[in-house]
Amino acid sequence: MHFPHTFFGVRNLFVIIKKKDLLLGAALFLTLGIYLSLTMLRPSVSSFSPQAGGERVIVVDAGHGGEDGGAVSADGVVESHINLAIAQDVNALLTFLGEDTRMTRTEDVSIHSQNAETLHQKKVSDLKNRVELVNSTPNAILLSIHQNSLPKSKSVHGAQVFYGKVETSDLYARSMQEALNRAINDKEKDAKEIAPTIYLMKNVTAPAVLVECGFLSNSSDSTMLQQENYQKKLAVVIAAGFLNAVNSREEAEG
């Protein structure tokens, strides 16, 4: 590990957080030490298990996997690998900070049922199993990690958060989008309600957010998204945005 370089990245992350954003700043501060140790945490992330008695369970979903690689960069890197790396880091951070978590996958595999044979059948089965996992988890909150692609507009870049139809989904999404705007994006984006055609988000019965961490069709985004330090930075910001929303809700509920 190269701690001086890593710490420099975190220090820059904090510099762009405005002083008045106390909750977000506090959440980022809590994740600072974790950021430095993520290289050690990631290989053993599958050993983490939810702690008993939690009020919520964050289902961390690494989109796609296995034969379904998702979007592909110009140099042939598939989305599913990047999704898994970031999801593992988000899961490690949240677990370390006391949150109950569960991952939809911890390897580069599809989670389709055994009776699925064709690629289409596997994709459909995979999505249905993810929905079932979320809906069968009490007090679940879905946090799904993806990468975007828009080959016809290669200049489009940046991270954006989408939210599902279940109440409070938008609150989590807006908090995470604010964190990403301050720490990642050079131009602000708005959290948006996701299109009703997205099967996973349409069918889960829990609060749900989907984070498009960047555009593999954009050369700058694609290069950064393949870098482990940048993946860690994204994980820190996503976790901080989520924790900020949790703190805000708890304060409002008194």
C-alpha atoms as a PDB file:
ATOM      1  CA  MET A   1       0.000   0.000   0.000  1.00  0.00           C
ATOM      2  CA  HIS A   2       1.123   3.530  -0.744  1.00  0.00           C
ATOM      3  CA  PHE A   3      -0.252   5.420   2.230  1.00  0.00           C
ATOM      4  CA  PRO A   4       1.164   8.881   1.366  1.00  0.00           C
ATOM      5  CA  HIS A   5      -0.561   8.828  -2.027  1.00  0.00           C
ATOM      6  CA  THR A   6      -3.752   7.434  -0.521  1.00  0.00           C
ATOM      7  CA  PHE A   7      -3.868  10.041   2.231  1.00  0.00           C
ATOM      8  CA  PHE A   8      -3.288  12.800  -0.314  1.00  0.00           C
ATOM      9  CA  GLY A   9      -6.395  11.624  -2.170  1.00  0.00           C
ATOM     10  CA  VAL A  10      -8.469  11.670   1.019  1.00  0.00           C
ATOM     11  CA  ARG A  11      -7.111  15.086   2.018  1.00  0.00           C
ATOM     12  CA  ASN A  12      -8.217  16.499  -1.335  1.00  0.00           C
ATOM     13  CA  LEU A  13     -11.616  14.902  -0.788  1.00  0.00           C
ATOM     14  CA  PHE A  14     -12.059  16.802   2.460  1.00  0.00           C
ATOM     15  CA  VAL A  15     -10.835  20.125   1.062  1.00  0.00           C
ATOM     16  CA  ILE A  16     -13.789  20.375  -1.302  1.00  0.00           C
ATOM     17  CA  ILE A  17     -16.378  19.679   1.403  1.00  0.00           C
ATOM     18  CA  LYS A  18     -17.789  23.004   2.567  1.00  0.00           C
ATOM     19  CA  LYS A  19     -17.397  23.720   6.272  1.00  0.00           C
ATOM     20  CA  LYS A  20     -21.124  24.245   6.760  1.00  0.00           C
ATOM     21  CA  ASP A  21     -21.856  20.664   5.687  1.00  0.00           C
ATOM     22  CA  LEU A  22     -21.243  19.302   9.164  1.00  0.00           C
ATOM     23  CA  LEU A  23     -23.104  16.022   8.852  1.00  0.00           C
ATOM     24  CA  LEU A  24     -21.467  15.125   5.568  1.00  0.00           C
ATOM     25  CA  GLY A  25     -18.092  16.194   6.900  1.00  0.00           C
ATOM     26  CA  ALA A  26     -18.570  14.095  10.013  1.00  0.00           C
ATOM     27  CA  ALA A  27     -19.526  11.068   7.967  1.00  0.00           C
ATOM     28  CA  LEU A  28     -16.468  11.498   5.765  1.00  0.00           C
ATOM     29  CA  PHE A  29     -14.275  11.884   8.842  1.00  0.00           C
ATOM     30  CA  LEU A  30     -15.563   8.583  10.191  1.00  0.00           C
ATOM     31  CA  THR A  31     -14.579   6.860   6.961  1.00  0.00           C
ATOM     32  CA  LEU A  32     -11.054   8.313   6.783  1.00  0.00           C
ATOM     33  CA  GLY A  33      -9.328   5.538   8.703  1.00  0.00           C
ATOM     34  CA  ILE A  34     -11.345   2.927   6.864  1.00  0.00           C
ATOM     35  CA  TYR A  35     -10.234   4.358   3.525  1.00  0.00           C
ATOM     36  CA  LEU A  36      -6.613   3.691   4.428  1.00  0.00           C
ATOM     37  CA  SER A  37      -7.305   0.061   5.259  1.00  0.00           C
ATOM     38  CA  LEU A  38      -9.610  -0.901   2.382  1.00  0.00           C
ATOM     39  CA  THR A  39      -6.821  -2.646   0.498  1.00  0.00           C
ATOM     40  CA  MET A  40      -6.604  -5.101   3.374  1.00  0.00           C
ATOM     41  CA  LEU A  41     -10.366  -5.367   3.843  1.00  0.00           C
ATOM     42  CA  ARG A  42     -11.341  -6.055   0.248  1.00  0.00           C
ATOM     43  CA  PRO A  43      -9.841  -9.567  -0.123  1.00  0.00           C
ATOM     44  CA  SER A  44     -11.651 -10.804   2.984  1.00  0.00           C
ATOM     45  CA  VAL A  45     -14.909  -8.910   2.504  1.00  0.00           C
ATOM     46  CA  SER A  46     -16.934 -12.099   2.084  1.00  0.00           C
ATOM     47  CA  SER A  47     -16.115 -12.992   5.690  1.00  0.00           C
ATOM     48  CA  PHE A  48     -18.122 -10.029   7.008  1.00  0.00           C
ATOM     49  CA  SER A  49     -21.597 -10.871   8.258  1.00  0.00           C
ATOM     50  CA  PRO A  50     -24.492  -8.709   9.482  1.00  0.00           C
ATOM     51  CA  GLN A  51     -24.530  -7.900  13.177  1.00  0.00           C
ATOM     52  CA  ALA A  52     -27.612  -8.964  15.109  1.00  0.00           C
ATOM     53  CA  GLY A  53     -30.183  -6.456  16.258  1.00  0.00           C
ATOM     54  CA  GLY A  54     -29.742  -3.810  13.561  1.00  0.00           C
ATOM     55  CA  GLU A  55     -32.629  -1.536  12.652  1.00  0.00           C
ATOM     56  CA  ARG A  56     -31.913  -1.848   8.924  1.00  0.00           C
ATOM     57  CA  VAL A  57     -30.025  -4.119   6.552  1.00  0.00           C
ATOM     58  CA  ILE A  58     -28.273  -2.527   3.596  1.00  0.00           C
ATOM     59  CA  VAL A  59     -28.293  -4.889   0.643  1.00  0.00           C
ATOM     60  CA  VAL A  60     -25.229  -3.916  -1.372  1.00  0.00           C
ATOM     61  CA  ASP A  61     -25.793  -5.011  -4.948  1.00  0.00           C
ATOM     62  CA  ALA A  62     -22.921  -5.296  -7.420  1.00  0.00           C
ATOM     63  CA  GLY A  63     -24.766  -5.070 -10.730  1.00  0.00           C
ATOM     64  CA  HIS A  64     -24.439  -7.750 -13.432  1.00  0.00           C
ATOM     65  CA  GLY A  65     -21.809 -10.500 -13.083  1.00  0.00           C
ATOM     66  CA  GLY A  66     -20.591 -13.674 -14.748  1.00  0.00           C
ATOM     67  CA  GLU A  67     -21.701 -14.007 -18.355  1.00  0.00           C
ATOM     68  CA  ASP A  68     -23.579 -10.707 -18.051  1.00  0.00           C
ATOM     69  CA  GLY A  69     -20.753  -8.199 -17.948  1.00  0.00           C
ATOM     70  CA  GLY A  70     -22.946  -5.137 -18.431  1.00  0.00           C
ATOM     71  CA  ALA A  71     -21.466  -2.103 -20.182  1.00  0.00           C
ATOM     72  CA  VAL A  72     -18.007  -2.420 -21.746  1.00  0.00           C
ATOM     73  CA  SER A  73     -15.317   0.259 -22.005  1.00  0.00           C
ATOM     74  CA  ALA A  74     -13.475   1.008 -25.248  1.00  0.00           C
ATOM     75  CA  ASP A  75     -10.514  -1.051 -24.002  1.00  0.00           C
ATOM     76  CA  GLY A  76     -12.694  -4.037 -23.177  1.00  0.00           C
ATOM     77  CA  VAL A  77     -13.166  -3.686 -19.409  1.00  0.00           C
ATOM     78  CA  VAL A  78     -16.605  -4.929 -18.358  1.00  0.00           C
ATOM     79  CA  GLU A  79     -18.828  -3.103 -15.913  1.00  0.00           C
ATOM     80  CA  SER A  80     -19.394  -6.099 -13.632  1.00  0.00           C
ATOM     81  CA  HIS A  81     -15.747  -6.153 -12.431  1.00  0.00           C
ATOM     82  CA  ILE A  82     -15.830  -2.488 -11.450  1.00  0.00           C
ATOM     83  CA  ASN A  83     -19.247  -2.825  -9.829  1.00  0.00           C
ATOM     84  CA  LEU A  84     -17.981  -5.650  -7.636  1.00  0.00           C
ATOM     85  CA  ALA A  85     -14.832  -3.810  -6.554  1.00  0.00           C
ATOM     86  CA  ILE A  86     -16.756  -0.686  -5.490  1.00  0.00           C
ATOM     87  CA  ALA A  87     -19.572  -2.696  -3.892  1.00  0.00           C
ATOM     88  CA  GLN A  88     -17.076  -4.700  -1.827  1.00  0.00           C
ATOM     89  CA  ASP A  89     -15.498  -1.491  -0.545  1.00  0.00           C
ATOM     90  CA  VAL A  90     -18.881   0.080   0.254  1.00  0.00           C
ATOM     91  CA  ASN A  91     -19.887  -3.089   2.081  1.00  0.00           C
ATOM     92  CA  ALA A  92     -16.634  -3.170   4.068  1.00  0.00           C
ATOM     93  CA  LEU A  93     -17.016   0.480   5.069  1.00  0.00           C
ATOM     94  CA  LEU A  94     -20.623   0.193   6.188  1.00  0.00           C
ATOM     95  CA  THR A  95     -20.002  -3.046   8.054  1.00  0.00           C
ATOM     96  CA  PHE A  96     -16.971  -1.612   9.825  1.00  0.00           C
ATOM     97  CA  LEU A  97     -19.083   1.366  10.885  1.00  0.00           C
ATOM     98  CA  GLY A  98     -21.681  -0.895  12.496  1.00  0.00           C
ATOM     99  CA  GLU A  99     -24.282  -1.237   9.756  1.00  0.00           C
ATOM    100  CA  ASP A 100     -25.916  -4.582   9.001  1.00  0.00           C
ATOM    101  CA  THR A 101     -25.170  -5.465   5.382  1.00  0.00           C
ATOM    102  CA  ARG A 102     -25.700  -8.217   2.873  1.00  0.00           C
ATOM    103  CA  MET A 103     -24.200  -8.502  -0.610  1.00  0.00           C
ATOM    104  CA  THR A 104     -26.056  -9.931  -3.601  1.00  0.00           C
ATOM    105  CA  ARG A 105     -22.771 -11.369  -4.865  1.00  0.00           C
ATOM    106  CA  THR A 106     -19.170 -11.471  -3.648  1.00  0.00           C
ATOM    107  CA  GLU A 107     -17.625 -12.934  -6.809  1.00  0.00           C
ATOM    108  CA  ASP A 108     -17.834 -12.250 -10.524  1.00  0.00           C
ATOM    109  CA  VAL A 109     -20.762 -14.591 -11.028  1.00  0.00           C
ATOM    110  CA  SER A 110     -24.381 -14.439 -12.076  1.00  0.00           C
ATOM    111  CA  ILE A 111     -26.811 -15.435  -9.339  1.00  0.00           C
ATOM    112  CA  HIS A 112     -29.275 -17.116 -11.698  1.00  0.00           C
ATOM    113  CA  SER A 113     -31.081 -20.326 -10.776  1.00  0.00           C
ATOM    114  CA  GLN A 114     -29.687 -23.648 -11.988  1.00  0.00           C
ATOM    115  CA  ASN A 115     -32.535 -24.297 -14.414  1.00  0.00           C
ATOM    116  CA  ALA A 116     -31.664 -21.193 -16.489  1.00  0.00           C
ATOM    117  CA  GLU A 117     -29.866 -22.244 -19.665  1.00  0.00           C
ATOM    118  CA  THR A 118     -29.688 -19.451 -22.262  1.00  0.00           C
ATOM    119  CA  LEU A 119     -28.064 -16.085 -21.562  1.00  0.00           C
ATOM    120  CA  HIS A 120     -31.494 -14.417 -21.630  1.00  0.00           C
ATOM    121  CA  GLN A 121     -32.889 -16.926 -19.144  1.00  0.00           C
ATOM    122  CA  LYS A 122     -29.880 -16.399 -16.884  1.00  0.00           C
ATOM    123  CA  LYS A 123     -30.286 -12.619 -16.942  1.00  0.00           C
ATOM    124  CA  VAL A 124     -33.994 -12.839 -16.126  1.00  0.00           C
ATOM    125  CA  SER A 125     -33.385 -15.390 -13.369  1.00  0.00           C
ATOM    126  CA  ASP A 126     -30.527 -13.318 -11.945  1.00  0.00           C
ATOM    127  CA  LEU A 127     -32.726 -10.229 -11.636  1.00  0.00           C
ATOM    128  CA  LYS A 128     -35.585 -12.184 -10.098  1.00  0.00           C
ATOM    129  CA  ASN A 129     -33.225 -13.675  -7.506  1.00  0.00           C
ATOM    130  CA  ARG A 130     -31.882 -10.220  -6.603  1.00  0.00           C
ATOM    131  CA  VAL A 131     -35.428  -8.959  -6.126  1.00  0.00           C
ATOM    132  CA  GLU A 132     -36.262 -11.987  -3.983  1.00  0.00           C
ATOM    133  CA  LEU A 133     -33.144 -11.468  -1.857  1.00  0.00           C
ATOM    134  CA  VAL A 134     -34.065  -7.831  -1.174  1.00  0.00           C
ATOM    135  CA  ASN A 135     -37.756  -8.484  -0.571  1.00  0.00           C
ATOM    136  CA  SER A 136     -37.057 -11.371   1.795  1.00  0.00           C
ATOM    137  CA  THR A 137     -34.654  -9.277   3.917  1.00  0.00           C
ATOM    138  CA  PRO A 138     -36.450  -7.513   6.814  1.00  0.00           C
ATOM    139  CA  ASN A 139     -35.883  -3.739   6.982  1.00  0.00           C
ATOM    140  CA  ALA A 140     -33.837  -3.801   3.785  1.00  0.00           C
ATOM    141  CA  ILE A 141     -32.445  -0.811   1.935  1.00  0.00           C
ATOM    142  CA  LEU A 142     -31.100  -1.571  -1.546  1.00  0.00           C
ATOM    143  CA  LEU A 143     -27.883   0.102  -2.650  1.00  0.00           C
ATOM    144  CA  SER A 144     -27.105  -0.993  -6.202  1.00  0.00           C
ATOM    145  CA  ILE A 145     -23.769  -0.177  -7.860  1.00  0.00           C
ATOM    146  CA  HIS A 146     -23.506   0.231 -11.640  1.00  0.00           C
ATOM    147  CA  GLN A 147     -21.553   1.976 -14.397  1.00  0.00           C
ATOM    148  CA  ASN A 148     -23.194   3.968 -17.161  1.00  0.00           C
ATOM    149  CA  SER A 149     -22.484   4.102 -20.889  1.00  0.00           C
ATOM    150  CA  LEU A 150     -23.587   6.457 -23.643  1.00  0.00           C
ATOM    151  CA  PRO A 151     -21.457   5.662 -26.720  1.00  0.00           C
ATOM    152  CA  LYS A 152     -23.231   8.238 -28.914  1.00  0.00           C
ATOM    153  CA  SER A 153     -22.328  11.056 -26.473  1.00  0.00           C
ATOM    154  CA  LYS A 154     -18.839  10.219 -25.248  1.00  0.00           C
ATOM    155  CA  SER A 155     -18.391  13.594 -23.573  1.00  0.00           C
ATOM    156  CA  VAL A 156     -21.056  12.789 -20.947  1.00  0.00           C
ATOM    157  CA  HIS A 157     -19.419  11.877 -17.649  1.00  0.00           C
ATOM    158  CA  GLY A 158     -19.835  11.885 -13.880  1.00  0.00           C
ATOM    159  CA  ALA A 159     -21.688   9.966 -11.163  1.00  0.00           C
ATOM    160  CA  GLN A 160     -25.457  10.067 -10.772  1.00  0.00           C
ATOM    161  CA  VAL A 161     -27.912   8.482  -8.325  1.00  0.00           C
ATOM    162  CA  PHE A 162     -31.360   7.160  -9.185  1.00  0.00           C
ATOM    163  CA  TYR A 163     -34.084   6.195  -6.723  1.00  0.00           C
ATOM    164  CA  GLY A 164     -36.991   3.776  -6.629  1.00  0.00           C
ATOM    165  CA  LYS A 165     -40.658   4.255  -5.875  1.00  0.00           C
ATOM    166  CA  VAL A 166     -40.657   3.246  -2.191  1.00  0.00           C
ATOM    167  CA  GLU A 167     -40.824   6.065   0.369  1.00  0.00           C
ATOM    168  CA  THR A 168     -37.477   7.519   1.596  1.00  0.00           C
ATOM    169  CA  SER A 169     -35.625   6.237  -1.488  1.00  0.00           C
ATOM    170  CA  ASP A 170     -35.358   9.817  -2.724  1.00  0.00           C
ATOM    171  CA  LEU A 171     -33.928  11.046   0.594  1.00  0.00           C
ATOM    172  CA  TYR A 172     -31.049   8.573   0.430  1.00  0.00           C
ATOM    173  CA  ALA A 173     -30.471   9.320  -3.242  1.00  0.00           C
ATOM    174  CA  ARG A 174     -30.329  13.099  -2.812  1.00  0.00           C
ATOM    175  CA  SER A 175     -27.890  12.856   0.083  1.00  0.00           C
ATOM    176  CA  MET A 176     -25.623  10.533  -1.887  1.00  0.00           C
ATOM    177  CA  GLN A 177     -25.863  12.728  -4.975  1.00  0.00           C
ATOM    178  CA  GLU A 178     -24.870  15.774  -2.947  1.00  0.00           C
ATOM    179  CA  ALA A 179     -21.819  13.930  -1.640  1.00  0.00           C
ATOM    180  CA  LEU A 180     -20.855  12.826  -5.149  1.00  0.00           C
ATOM    181  CA  ASN A 181     -21.326  16.347  -6.516  1.00  0.00           C
ATOM    182  CA  ARG A 182     -19.007  17.797  -3.901  1.00  0.00           C
ATOM    183  CA  ALA A 183     -16.313  15.132  -3.993  1.00  0.00           C
ATOM    184  CA  ILE A 184     -16.447  13.536  -7.462  1.00  0.00           C
ATOM    185  CA  ASN A 185     -18.331  15.492 -10.126  1.00  0.00           C
ATOM    186  CA  ASP A 186     -16.952  18.601 -11.795  1.00  0.00           C
ATOM    187  CA  LYS A 187     -20.526  19.524 -12.774  1.00  0.00           C
ATOM    188  CA  GLU A 188     -23.468  18.975 -10.459  1.00  0.00           C
ATOM    189  CA  LYS A 189     -26.046  16.345 -11.300  1.00  0.00           C
ATOM    190  CA  ASP A 190     -29.491  15.827  -9.783  1.00  0.00           C
ATOM    191  CA  ALA A 191     -30.727  12.627  -8.200  1.00  0.00           C
ATOM    192  CA  LYS A 192     -33.569  11.322 -10.369  1.00  0.00           C
ATOM    193  CA  GLU A 193     -36.406   8.849 -10.125  1.00  0.00           C
ATOM    194  CA  ILE A 194     -35.415   5.779 -12.096  1.00  0.00           C
ATOM    195  CA  ALA A 195     -37.271   4.732 -15.224  1.00  0.00           C
ATOM    196  CA  PRO A 196     -40.115   2.281 -14.537  1.00  0.00           C
ATOM    197  CA  THR A 197     -38.566  -0.147 -17.042  1.00  0.00           C
ATOM    198  CA  ILE A 198     -35.688  -1.062 -14.699  1.00  0.00           C
ATOM    199  CA  TYR A 199     -36.812  -4.459 -13.394  1.00  0.00           C
ATOM    200  CA  LEU A 200     -34.830  -4.537 -10.152  1.00  0.00           C
ATOM    201  CA  MET A 201     -35.860  -1.098  -8.937  1.00  0.00           C
ATOM    202  CA  LYS A 202     -39.466  -1.550 -10.092  1.00  0.00           C
ATOM    203  CA  ASN A 203     -40.029  -4.784  -8.212  1.00  0.00           C
ATOM    204  CA  VAL A 204     -38.257  -4.371  -4.880  1.00  0.00           C
ATOM    205  CA  THR A 205     -40.496  -3.448  -1.962  1.00  0.00           C
ATOM    206  CA  ALA A 206     -37.731  -1.718   0.010  1.00  0.00           C
ATOM    207  CA  PRO A 207     -36.239   1.773  -0.292  1.00  0.00           C
ATOM    208  CA  ALA A 208     -33.795   1.548  -3.191  1.00  0.00           C
ATOM    209  CA  VAL A 209     -31.081   3.626  -4.816  1.00  0.00           C
ATOM    210  CA  LEU A 210     -28.955   2.860  -7.843  1.00  0.00           C
ATOM    211  CA  VAL A 211     -25.606   4.614  -8.247  1.00  0.00           C
ATOM    212  CA  GLU A 212     -24.182   5.013 -11.746  1.00  0.00           C
ATOM    213  CA  CYS A 213     -20.584   5.711 -10.710  1.00  0.00           C
ATOM    214  CA  GLY A 214     -19.442   7.011 -14.082  1.00  0.00           C
ATOM    215  CA  PHE A 215     -19.527   6.489 -17.843  1.00  0.00           C
ATOM    216  CA  LEU A 216     -17.432   3.725 -19.376  1.00  0.00           C
ATOM    217  CA  SER A 217     -18.098   5.416 -22.730  1.00  0.00           C
ATOM    218  CA  ASN A 218     -16.140   8.471 -21.549  1.00  0.00           C
ATOM    219  CA  SER A 219     -12.371   7.939 -21.758  1.00  0.00           C
ATOM    220  CA  SER A 220     -11.554   9.962 -18.625  1.00  0.00           C
ATOM    221  CA  ASP A 221     -14.246   8.309 -16.501  1.00  0.00           C
ATOM    222  CA  SER A 222     -13.300   4.880 -17.818  1.00  0.00           C
ATOM    223  CA  THR A 223      -9.638   5.332 -16.935  1.00  0.00           C
ATOM    224  CA  MET A 224     -10.405   6.497 -13.401  1.00  0.00           C
ATOM    225  CA  LEU A 225     -13.044   3.839 -12.764  1.00  0.00           C
ATOM    226  CA  GLN A 226     -10.448   1.147 -13.389  1.00  0.00           C
ATOM    227  CA  GLN A 227      -8.112   2.564 -10.726  1.00  0.00           C
ATOM    228  CA  GLU A 228      -8.336   1.010  -7.276  1.00  0.00           C
ATOM    229  CA  ASN A 229      -7.738   4.302  -5.452  1.00  0.00           C
ATOM    230  CA  TYR A 230     -10.596   5.943  -7.339  1.00  0.00           C
ATOM    231  CA  GLN A 231     -12.866   2.981  -6.609  1.00  0.00           C
ATOM    232  CA  LYS A 232     -12.080   3.429  -2.907  1.00  0.00           C
ATOM    233  CA  LYS A 233     -12.781   7.142  -3.130  1.00  0.00           C
ATOM    234  CA  LEU A 234     -16.165   6.444  -4.689  1.00  0.00           C
ATOM    235  CA  ALA A 235     -16.920   3.923  -1.946  1.00  0.00           C
ATOM    236  CA  VAL A 236     -16.065   6.455   0.768  1.00  0.00           C
ATOM    237  CA  VAL A 237     -18.283   9.132  -0.784  1.00  0.00           C
ATOM    238  CA  ILE A 238     -21.201   6.754  -1.364  1.00  0.00           C
ATOM    239  CA  ALA A 239     -20.984   5.459   2.215  1.00  0.00           C
ATOM    240  CA  ALA A 240     -20.712   9.000   3.589  1.00  0.00           C
ATOM    241  CA  GLY A 241     -23.749  10.141   1.618  1.00  0.00           C
ATOM    242  CA  PHE A 242     -25.745   7.202   2.893  1.00  0.00           C
ATOM    243  CA  LEU A 243     -24.704   7.796   6.521  1.00  0.00           C
ATOM    244  CA  ASN A 244     -25.530  11.475   6.176  1.00  0.00           C
ATOM    245  CA  ALA A 245     -29.077  10.554   5.140  1.00  0.00           C
ATOM    246  CA  VAL A 246     -29.365   8.133   8.060  1.00  0.00           C
ATOM    247  CA  ASN A 247     -28.224  10.818  10.508  1.00  0.00           C
ATOM    248  CA  SER A 248     -30.595  13.383   9.026  1.00  0.00           C
ATOM    249  CA  ARG A 249     -33.562  11.019   9.318  1.00  0.00           C
ATOM    250  CA  GLU A 250     -32.709  10.078  12.901  1.00  0.00           C
ATOM    251  CA  GLU A 251     -32.401  13.738  13.898  1.00  0.00           C
ATOM    252  CA  ALA A 252     -35.713  14.599  12.211  1.00  0.00           C
ATOM    253  CA  GLU A 253     -37.456  11.724  13.989  1.00  0.00           C
ATOM    254  CA  GLY A 254     -35.984  12.967  17.244  1.00  0.00           C
END
